[in-house]
Amino acid sequence: MVLITHIIIALSSVAYASYTLYAPSKAKLHVSYGLILLTLLSGSYLTILAPAHIAQACASGLAYSGAVLVMTIFAKRKLAEIKLTTD
């Protein structure tokens, strides 16, 4: 059950980060940060439950973290540019 929850949270996080990149806002960034945190917490919990699969979990987790963090950083920069041009 924890694995299914983790996968749903991770996929939601990727989808929401993509949406935030497309149409950034401060509230969307906060939700994206929360989904990233939930994914990392549930992934850490799964790693504690099944330490034999840690290498595969770490590789997948790093790929996920890298992709979502890059999208979130670009969304934050895009939002900052929008605020600068409207001032």
PDB file of N, CA and C in Angstrom:
ATOM      1  N   MET A   1       0.821  -1.199   0.000  1.00  0.00           N
ATOM      2  CA  MET A   1       0.000   0.000   0.000  1.00  0.00           C
ATOM      3  C   MET A   1       0.864   1.261   0.000  1.00  0.00           C
ATOM      4  N   VAL A   2       1.954   1.207   0.756  1.00  0.00           N
ATOM      5  CA  VAL A   2       2.853   2.361   0.814  1.00  0.00           C
ATOM      6  C   VAL A   2       3.502   2.593  -0.551  1.00  0.00           C
ATOM      7  N   LEU A   3       3.836   1.523  -1.241  1.00  0.00           N
ATOM      8  CA  LEU A   3       4.456   1.655  -2.560  1.00  0.00           C
ATOM      9  C   LEU A   3       3.503   2.317  -3.553  1.00  0.00           C
ATOM     10  N   ILE A   4       2.239   1.908  -3.543  1.00  0.00           N
ATOM     11  CA  ILE A   4       1.255   2.513  -4.452  1.00  0.00           C
ATOM     12  C   ILE A   4       1.078   3.992  -4.125  1.00  0.00           C
ATOM     13  N   THR A   5       1.004   4.309  -2.841  1.00  0.00           N
ATOM     14  CA  THR A   5       0.880   5.713  -2.417  1.00  0.00           C
ATOM     15  C   THR A   5       2.094   6.518  -2.871  1.00  0.00           C
ATOM     16  N   HIS A   6       3.271   5.940  -2.708  1.00  0.00           N
ATOM     17  CA  HIS A   6       4.513   6.610  -3.118  1.00  0.00           C
ATOM     18  C   HIS A   6       4.514   6.877  -4.621  1.00  0.00           C
ATOM     19  N   ILE A   7       4.110   5.896  -5.400  1.00  0.00           N
ATOM     20  CA  ILE A   7       4.089   6.053  -6.864  1.00  0.00           C
ATOM     21  C   ILE A   7       3.079   7.120  -7.274  1.00  0.00           C
ATOM     22  N   ILE A   8       1.915   7.119  -6.646  1.00  0.00           N
ATOM     23  CA  ILE A   8       0.895   8.128  -6.965  1.00  0.00           C
ATOM     24  C   ILE A   8       1.394   9.531  -6.617  1.00  0.00           C
ATOM     25  N   ILE A   9       2.024   9.667  -5.457  1.00  0.00           N
ATOM     26  CA  ILE A   9       2.561  10.969  -5.058  1.00  0.00           C
ATOM     27  C   ILE A   9       3.654  11.416  -6.028  1.00  0.00           C
ATOM     28  N   ALA A  10       4.547  10.505  -6.400  1.00  0.00           N
ATOM     29  CA  ALA A  10       5.654  10.850  -7.300  1.00  0.00           C
ATOM     30  C   ALA A  10       5.138  11.266  -8.683  1.00  0.00           C
ATOM     31  N   LEU A  11       4.195  10.515  -9.217  1.00  0.00           N
ATOM     32  CA  LEU A  11       3.644  10.868 -10.530  1.00  0.00           C
ATOM     33  C   LEU A  11       2.865  12.186 -10.466  1.00  0.00           C
ATOM     34  N   SER A  12       2.146  12.398  -9.380  1.00  0.00           N
ATOM     35  CA  SER A  12       1.445  13.673  -9.193  1.00  0.00           C
ATOM     36  C   SER A  12       2.431  14.821  -9.100  1.00  0.00           C
ATOM     37  N   SER A  13       3.535  14.569  -8.439  1.00  0.00           N
ATOM     38  CA  SER A  13       4.559  15.595  -8.293  1.00  0.00           C
ATOM     39  C   SER A  13       5.159  15.979  -9.644  1.00  0.00           C
ATOM     40  N   VAL A  14       5.441  14.992 -10.472  1.00  0.00           N
ATOM     41  CA  VAL A  14       5.992  15.272 -11.813  1.00  0.00           C
ATOM     42  C   VAL A  14       4.971  16.044 -12.645  1.00  0.00           C
ATOM     43  N   ALA A  15       3.723  15.607 -12.612  1.00  0.00           N
ATOM     44  CA  ALA A  15       2.679  16.291 -13.377  1.00  0.00           C
ATOM     45  C   ALA A  15       2.473  17.716 -12.879  1.00  0.00           C
ATOM     46  N   TYR A  16       2.449  17.899 -11.573  1.00  0.00           N
ATOM     47  CA  TYR A  16       2.211  19.233 -11.023  1.00  0.00           C
ATOM     48  C   TYR A  16       3.410  20.152 -11.263  1.00  0.00           C
ATOM     49  N   ALA A  17       4.624  19.606 -11.195  1.00  0.00           N
ATOM     50  CA  ALA A  17       5.810  20.416 -11.492  1.00  0.00           C
ATOM     51  C   ALA A  17       5.790  20.866 -12.951  1.00  0.00           C
ATOM     52  N   SER A  18       5.338  19.996 -13.838  1.00  0.00           N
ATOM     53  CA  SER A  18       5.212  20.371 -15.257  1.00  0.00           C
ATOM     54  C   SER A  18       4.182  21.482 -15.430  1.00  0.00           C
ATOM     55  N   TYR A  19       3.065  21.352 -14.748  1.00  0.00           N
ATOM     56  CA  TYR A  19       2.019  22.381 -14.801  1.00  0.00           C
ATOM     57  C   TYR A  19       2.527  23.700 -14.211  1.00  0.00           C
ATOM     58  N   THR A  20       3.270  23.622 -13.128  1.00  0.00           N
ATOM     59  CA  THR A  20       3.831  24.819 -12.506  1.00  0.00           C
ATOM     60  C   THR A  20       4.838  25.492 -13.430  1.00  0.00           C
ATOM     61  N   LEU A  21       5.587  24.702 -14.166  1.00  0.00           N
ATOM     62  CA  LEU A  21       6.531  25.263 -15.135  1.00  0.00           C
ATOM     63  C   LEU A  21       5.790  25.992 -16.245  1.00  0.00           C
ATOM     64  N   TYR A  22       4.654  25.450 -16.654  1.00  0.00           N
ATOM     65  CA  TYR A  22       3.856  26.057 -17.721  1.00  0.00           C
ATOM     66  C   TYR A  22       3.177  27.349 -17.253  1.00  0.00           C
ATOM     67  N   ALA A  23       2.620  27.346 -16.045  1.00  0.00           N
ATOM     68  CA  ALA A  23       1.898  28.508 -15.513  1.00  0.00           C
ATOM     69  C   ALA A  23       2.288  28.719 -14.049  1.00  0.00           C
ATOM     70  N   PRO A  24       3.453  29.338 -13.811  1.00  0.00           N
ATOM     71  CA  PRO A  24       3.955  29.440 -12.440  1.00  0.00           C
ATOM     72  C   PRO A  24       3.165  30.431 -11.574  1.00  0.00           C
ATOM     73  N   SER A  25       3.089  30.100 -10.295  1.00  0.00           N
ATOM     74  CA  SER A  25       2.565  31.015  -9.291  1.00  0.00           C
ATOM     75  C   SER A  25       3.188  30.616  -7.961  1.00  0.00           C
ATOM     76  N   LYS A  26       3.141  31.527  -7.015  1.00  0.00           N
ATOM     77  CA  LYS A  26       3.751  31.255  -5.713  1.00  0.00           C
ATOM     78  C   LYS A  26       3.050  30.088  -5.021  1.00  0.00           C
ATOM     79  N   ALA A  27       1.730  30.048  -5.101  1.00  0.00           N
ATOM     80  CA  ALA A  27       0.970  28.967  -4.465  1.00  0.00           C
ATOM     81  C   ALA A  27       1.307  27.615  -5.103  1.00  0.00           C
ATOM     82  N   LYS A  28       1.428  27.578  -6.429  1.00  0.00           N
ATOM     83  CA  LYS A  28       1.760  26.329  -7.114  1.00  0.00           C
ATOM     84  C   LYS A  28       3.159  25.847  -6.737  1.00  0.00           C
ATOM     85  N   LEU A  29       4.086  26.792  -6.558  1.00  0.00           N
ATOM     86  CA  LEU A  29       5.428  26.406  -6.135  1.00  0.00           C
ATOM     87  C   LEU A  29       5.394  25.761  -4.756  1.00  0.00           C
ATOM     88  N   HIS A  30       4.595  26.303  -3.842  1.00  0.00           N
ATOM     89  CA  HIS A  30       4.491  25.729  -2.500  1.00  0.00           C
ATOM     90  C   HIS A  30       3.896  24.321  -2.547  1.00  0.00           C
ATOM     91  N   VAL A  31       2.893  24.109  -3.380  1.00  0.00           N
ATOM     92  CA  VAL A  31       2.315  22.771  -3.534  1.00  0.00           C
ATOM     93  C   VAL A  31       3.356  21.820  -4.116  1.00  0.00           C
ATOM     94  N   SER A  32       4.114  22.298  -5.091  1.00  0.00           N
ATOM     95  CA  SER A  32       5.154  21.481  -5.702  1.00  0.00           C
ATOM     96  C   SER A  32       6.216  21.093  -4.674  1.00  0.00           C
ATOM     97  N   TYR A  33       6.615  22.046  -3.829  1.00  0.00           N
ATOM     98  CA  TYR A  33       7.573  21.748  -2.763  1.00  0.00           C
ATOM     99  C   TYR A  33       7.017  20.683  -1.825  1.00  0.00           C
ATOM    100  N   GLY A  34       5.748  20.791  -1.487  1.00  0.00           N
ATOM    101  CA  GLY A  34       5.113  19.816  -0.596  1.00  0.00           C
ATOM    102  C   GLY A  34       5.084  18.417  -1.203  1.00  0.00           C
ATOM    103  N   LEU A  35       4.762  18.340  -2.498  1.00  0.00           N
ATOM    104  CA  LEU A  35       4.736  17.036  -3.171  1.00  0.00           C
ATOM    105  C   LEU A  35       6.133  16.430  -3.252  1.00  0.00           C
ATOM    106  N   ILE A  36       7.136  17.260  -3.462  1.00  0.00           N
ATOM    107  CA  ILE A  36       8.521  16.769  -3.470  1.00  0.00           C
ATOM    108  C   ILE A  36       8.867  16.204  -2.097  1.00  0.00           C
ATOM    109  N   LEU A  37       8.522  16.935  -1.046  1.00  0.00           N
ATOM    110  CA  LEU A  37       8.806  16.479   0.311  1.00  0.00           C
ATOM    111  C   LEU A  37       8.084  15.166   0.621  1.00  0.00           C
ATOM    112  N   LEU A  38       6.804  15.074   0.256  1.00  0.00           N
ATOM    113  CA  LEU A  38       6.054  13.837   0.489  1.00  0.00           C
ATOM    114  C   LEU A  38       6.669  12.658  -0.262  1.00  0.00           C
ATOM    115  N   THR A  39       7.132  12.894  -1.486  1.00  0.00           N
ATOM    116  CA  THR A  39       7.757  11.824  -2.261  1.00  0.00           C
ATOM    117  C   THR A  39       9.050  11.367  -1.602  1.00  0.00           C
ATOM    118  N   LEU A  40       9.851  12.321  -1.157  1.00  0.00           N
ATOM    119  CA  LEU A  40      11.115  11.958  -0.507  1.00  0.00           C
ATOM    120  C   LEU A  40      10.878  11.230   0.812  1.00  0.00           C
ATOM    121  N   LEU A  41       9.884  11.668   1.575  1.00  0.00           N
ATOM    122  CA  LEU A  41       9.577  10.999   2.846  1.00  0.00           C
ATOM    123  C   LEU A  41       9.062   9.582   2.627  1.00  0.00           C
ATOM    124  N   SER A  42       8.137   9.409   1.694  1.00  0.00           N
ATOM    125  CA  SER A  42       7.611   8.063   1.441  1.00  0.00           C
ATOM    126  C   SER A  42       8.688   7.160   0.831  1.00  0.00           C
ATOM    127  N   GLY A  43       9.556   7.718  -0.002  1.00  0.00           N
ATOM    128  CA  GLY A  43      10.661   6.939  -0.563  1.00  0.00           C
ATOM    129  C   GLY A  43      11.660   6.521   0.499  1.00  0.00           C
ATOM    130  N   SER A  44      11.934   7.417   1.436  1.00  0.00           N
ATOM    131  CA  SER A  44      12.828   7.068   2.550  1.00  0.00           C
ATOM    132  C   SER A  44      12.216   5.961   3.399  1.00  0.00           C
ATOM    133  N   TYR A  45      10.921   6.062   3.640  1.00  0.00           N
ATOM    134  CA  TYR A  45      10.224   5.032   4.414  1.00  0.00           C
ATOM    135  C   TYR A  45      10.293   3.678   3.706  1.00  0.00           C
ATOM    136  N   LEU A  46      10.093   3.677   2.402  1.00  0.00           N
ATOM    137  CA  LEU A  46      10.182   2.426   1.633  1.00  0.00           C
ATOM    138  C   LEU A  46      11.594   1.850   1.665  1.00  0.00           C
ATOM    139  N   THR A  47      12.583   2.716   1.640  1.00  0.00           N
ATOM    140  CA  THR A  47      13.974   2.264   1.695  1.00  0.00           C
ATOM    141  C   THR A  47      14.275   1.615   3.041  1.00  0.00           C
ATOM    142  N   ILE A  48      13.704   2.165   4.100  1.00  0.00           N
ATOM    143  CA  ILE A  48      13.882   1.574   5.432  1.00  0.00           C
ATOM    144  C   ILE A  48      13.185   0.213   5.502  1.00  0.00           C
ATOM    145  N   LEU A  49      12.006   0.108   4.878  1.00  0.00           N
ATOM    146  CA  LEU A  49      11.266  -1.159   4.891  1.00  0.00           C
ATOM    147  C   LEU A  49      11.963  -2.255   4.090  1.00  0.00           C
ATOM    148  N   ALA A  50      12.589  -1.900   2.972  1.00  0.00           N
ATOM    149  CA  ALA A  50      13.225  -2.897   2.097  1.00  0.00           C
ATOM    150  C   ALA A  50      14.626  -2.436   1.703  1.00  0.00           C
ATOM    151  N   PRO A  51      15.581  -2.526   2.629  1.00  0.00           N
ATOM    152  CA  PRO A  51      16.939  -2.024   2.325  1.00  0.00           C
ATOM    153  C   PRO A  51      17.671  -2.823   1.241  1.00  0.00           C
ATOM    154  N   ALA A  52      17.211  -4.011   0.891  1.00  0.00           N
ATOM    155  CA  ALA A  52      17.884  -4.805  -0.145  1.00  0.00           C
ATOM    156  C   ALA A  52      17.782  -4.150  -1.514  1.00  0.00           C
ATOM    157  N   HIS A  53      16.759  -3.326  -1.730  1.00  0.00           N
ATOM    158  CA  HIS A  53      16.546  -2.690  -3.036  1.00  0.00           C
ATOM    159  C   HIS A  53      17.027  -1.244  -3.039  1.00  0.00           C
ATOM    160  N   ILE A  54      17.967  -0.905  -2.173  1.00  0.00           N
ATOM    161  CA  ILE A  54      18.371   0.490  -2.002  1.00  0.00           C
ATOM    162  C   ILE A  54      19.068   1.056  -3.243  1.00  0.00           C
ATOM    163  N   ALA A  55      19.853   0.261  -3.952  1.00  0.00           N
ATOM    164  CA  ALA A  55      20.560   0.773  -5.138  1.00  0.00           C
ATOM    165  C   ALA A  55      19.570   1.197  -6.211  1.00  0.00           C
ATOM    166  N   GLN A  56      18.581   0.364  -6.474  1.00  0.00           N
ATOM    167  CA  GLN A  56      17.571   0.701  -7.475  1.00  0.00           C
ATOM    168  C   GLN A  56      16.740   1.889  -7.006  1.00  0.00           C
ATOM    169  N   ALA A  57      16.408   1.919  -5.731  1.00  0.00           N
ATOM    170  CA  ALA A  57      15.616   3.024  -5.180  1.00  0.00           C
ATOM    171  C   ALA A  57      16.387   4.335  -5.273  1.00  0.00           C
ATOM    172  N   CYS A  58      17.666   4.295  -4.983  1.00  0.00           N
ATOM    173  CA  CYS A  58      18.474   5.516  -5.041  1.00  0.00           C
ATOM    174  C   CYS A  58      18.606   6.038  -6.469  1.00  0.00           C
ATOM    175  N   ALA A  59      18.794   5.157  -7.420  1.00  0.00           N
ATOM    176  CA  ALA A  59      18.912   5.583  -8.816  1.00  0.00           C
ATOM    177  C   ALA A  59      17.612   6.214  -9.300  1.00  0.00           C
ATOM    178  N   SER A  60      16.508   5.574  -9.011  1.00  0.00           N
ATOM    179  CA  SER A  60      15.206   6.126  -9.412  1.00  0.00           C
ATOM    180  C   SER A  60      14.911   7.419  -8.678  1.00  0.00           C
ATOM    181  N   GLY A  61      15.227   7.458  -7.410  1.00  0.00           N
ATOM    182  CA  GLY A  61      14.992   8.659  -6.601  1.00  0.00           C
ATOM    183  C   GLY A  61      15.815   9.838  -7.069  1.00  0.00           C
ATOM    184  N   LEU A  62      17.055   9.586  -7.446  1.00  0.00           N
ATOM    185  CA  LEU A  62      17.900  10.674  -7.950  1.00  0.00           C
ATOM    186  C   LEU A  62      17.387  11.208  -9.280  1.00  0.00           C
ATOM    187  N   ALA A  63      16.955  10.320 -10.145  1.00  0.00           N
ATOM    188  CA  ALA A  63      16.407  10.753 -11.442  1.00  0.00           C
ATOM    189  C   ALA A  63      15.144  11.585 -11.224  1.00  0.00           C
ATOM    190  N   TYR A  64      14.249  11.108 -10.371  1.00  0.00           N
ATOM    191  CA  TYR A  64      13.019  11.848 -10.048  1.00  0.00           C
ATOM    192  C   TYR A  64      13.361  13.212  -9.444  1.00  0.00           C
ATOM    193  N   SER A  65      14.223  13.205  -8.424  1.00  0.00           N
ATOM    194  CA  SER A  65      14.560  14.455  -7.738  1.00  0.00           C
ATOM    195  C   SER A  65      15.174  15.464  -8.694  1.00  0.00           C
ATOM    196  N   GLY A  66      16.082  14.989  -9.531  1.00  0.00           N
ATOM    197  CA  GLY A  66      16.717  15.886 -10.485  1.00  0.00           C
ATOM    198  C   GLY A  66      15.719  16.511 -11.442  1.00  0.00           C
ATOM    199  N   ALA A  67      14.842  15.692 -12.006  1.00  0.00           N
ATOM    200  CA  ALA A  67      13.870  16.196 -12.985  1.00  0.00           C
ATOM    201  C   ALA A  67      12.896  17.177 -12.346  1.00  0.00           C
ATOM    202  N   VAL A  68      12.347  16.822 -11.199  1.00  0.00           N
ATOM    203  CA  VAL A  68      11.351  17.676 -10.561  1.00  0.00           C
ATOM    204  C   VAL A  68      11.987  18.960 -10.020  1.00  0.00           C
ATOM    205  N   LEU A  69      13.173  18.862  -9.464  1.00  0.00           N
ATOM    206  CA  LEU A  69      13.828  20.068  -8.958  1.00  0.00           C
ATOM    207  C   LEU A  69      14.201  21.029 -10.081  1.00  0.00           C
ATOM    208  N   VAL A  70      14.654  20.499 -11.211  1.00  0.00           N
ATOM    209  CA  VAL A  70      14.969  21.365 -12.353  1.00  0.00           C
ATOM    210  C   VAL A  70      13.712  22.084 -12.832  1.00  0.00           C
ATOM    211  N   MET A  71      12.600  21.353 -12.953  1.00  0.00           N
ATOM    212  CA  MET A  71      11.348  21.990 -13.389  1.00  0.00           C
ATOM    213  C   MET A  71      10.896  23.055 -12.392  1.00  0.00           C
ATOM    214  N   THR A  72      11.037  22.771 -11.100  1.00  0.00           N
ATOM    215  CA  THR A  72      10.614  23.720 -10.074  1.00  0.00           C
ATOM    216  C   THR A  72      11.505  24.957 -10.071  1.00  0.00           C
ATOM    217  N   ILE A  73      12.787  24.780 -10.246  1.00  0.00           N
ATOM    218  CA  ILE A  73      13.710  25.927 -10.294  1.00  0.00           C
ATOM    219  C   ILE A  73      13.405  26.809 -11.502  1.00  0.00           C
ATOM    220  N   PHE A  74      13.168  26.187 -12.657  1.00  0.00           N
ATOM    221  CA  PHE A  74      12.832  26.979 -13.843  1.00  0.00           C
ATOM    222  C   PHE A  74      11.495  27.705 -13.671  1.00  0.00           C
ATOM    223  N   ALA A  75      10.545  27.062 -13.012  1.00  0.00           N
ATOM    224  CA  ALA A  75       9.260  27.713 -12.756  1.00  0.00           C
ATOM    225  C   ALA A  75       9.445  28.912 -11.832  1.00  0.00           C
ATOM    226  N   LYS A  76      10.297  28.758 -10.829  1.00  0.00           N
ATOM    227  CA  LYS A  76      10.562  29.870  -9.906  1.00  0.00           C
ATOM    228  C   LYS A  76      11.235  31.032 -10.632  1.00  0.00           C
ATOM    229  N   ARG A  77      12.180  30.726 -11.504  1.00  0.00           N
ATOM    230  CA  ARG A  77      12.836  31.786 -12.289  1.00  0.00           C
ATOM    231  C   ARG A  77      11.858  32.462 -13.239  1.00  0.00           C
ATOM    232  N   LYS A  78      10.997  31.668 -13.848  1.00  0.00           N
ATOM    233  CA  LYS A  78       9.997  32.215 -14.759  1.00  0.00           C
ATOM    234  C   LYS A  78       9.044  33.144 -14.015  1.00  0.00           C
ATOM    235  N   LEU A  79       8.652  32.748 -12.811  1.00  0.00           N
ATOM    236  CA  LEU A  79       7.779  33.589 -11.984  1.00  0.00           C
ATOM    237  C   LEU A  79       8.485  34.875 -11.597  1.00  0.00           C
ATOM    238  N   ALA A  80       9.767  34.801 -11.279  1.00  0.00           N
ATOM    239  CA  ALA A  80      10.519  36.012 -10.930  1.00  0.00           C
ATOM    240  C   ALA A  80      10.600  36.960 -12.125  1.00  0.00           C
ATOM    241  N   GLU A  81      10.779  36.418 -13.336  1.00  0.00           N
ATOM    242  CA  GLU A  81      10.821  37.255 -14.530  1.00  0.00           C
ATOM    243  C   GLU A  81       9.473  37.933 -14.773  1.00  0.00           C
ATOM    244  N   ILE A  82       8.405  37.215 -14.546  1.00  0.00           N
ATOM    245  CA  ILE A  82       7.070  37.780 -14.730  1.00  0.00           C
ATOM    246  C   ILE A  82       6.858  38.924 -13.754  1.00  0.00           C
ATOM    247  N   LYS A  83       7.271  38.741 -12.494  1.00  0.00           N
ATOM    248  CA  LYS A  83       7.113  39.799 -11.504  1.00  0.00           C
ATOM    249  C   LYS A  83       7.944  41.023 -11.833  1.00  0.00           C
ATOM    250  N   LEU A  84       9.150  40.811 -12.403  1.00  0.00           N
ATOM    251  CA  LEU A  84      10.019  41.935 -12.756  1.00  0.00           C
ATOM    252  C   LEU A  84       9.429  42.739 -13.912  1.00  0.00           C
ATOM    253  N   THR A  85       8.836  42.074 -14.858  1.00  0.00           N
ATOM    254  CA  THR A  85       8.308  42.777 -16.019  1.00  0.00           C
ATOM    255  C   THR A  85       6.994  43.505 -15.699  1.00  0.00           C
ATOM    256  N   THR A  86       6.277  43.068 -14.670  1.00  0.00           N
ATOM    257  CA  THR A  86       5.038  43.721 -14.320  1.00  0.00           C
ATOM    258  C   THR A  86       5.219  44.892 -13.363  1.00  0.00           C
ATOM    259  N   ASP A  87       6.393  45.012 -12.776  1.00  0.00           N
ATOM    260  CA  ASP A  87       6.646  46.128 -11.841  1.00  0.00           C
ATOM    261  C   ASP A  87       6.941  47.422 -12.552  1.00  0.00           C
TER     262      ASP A  87
END
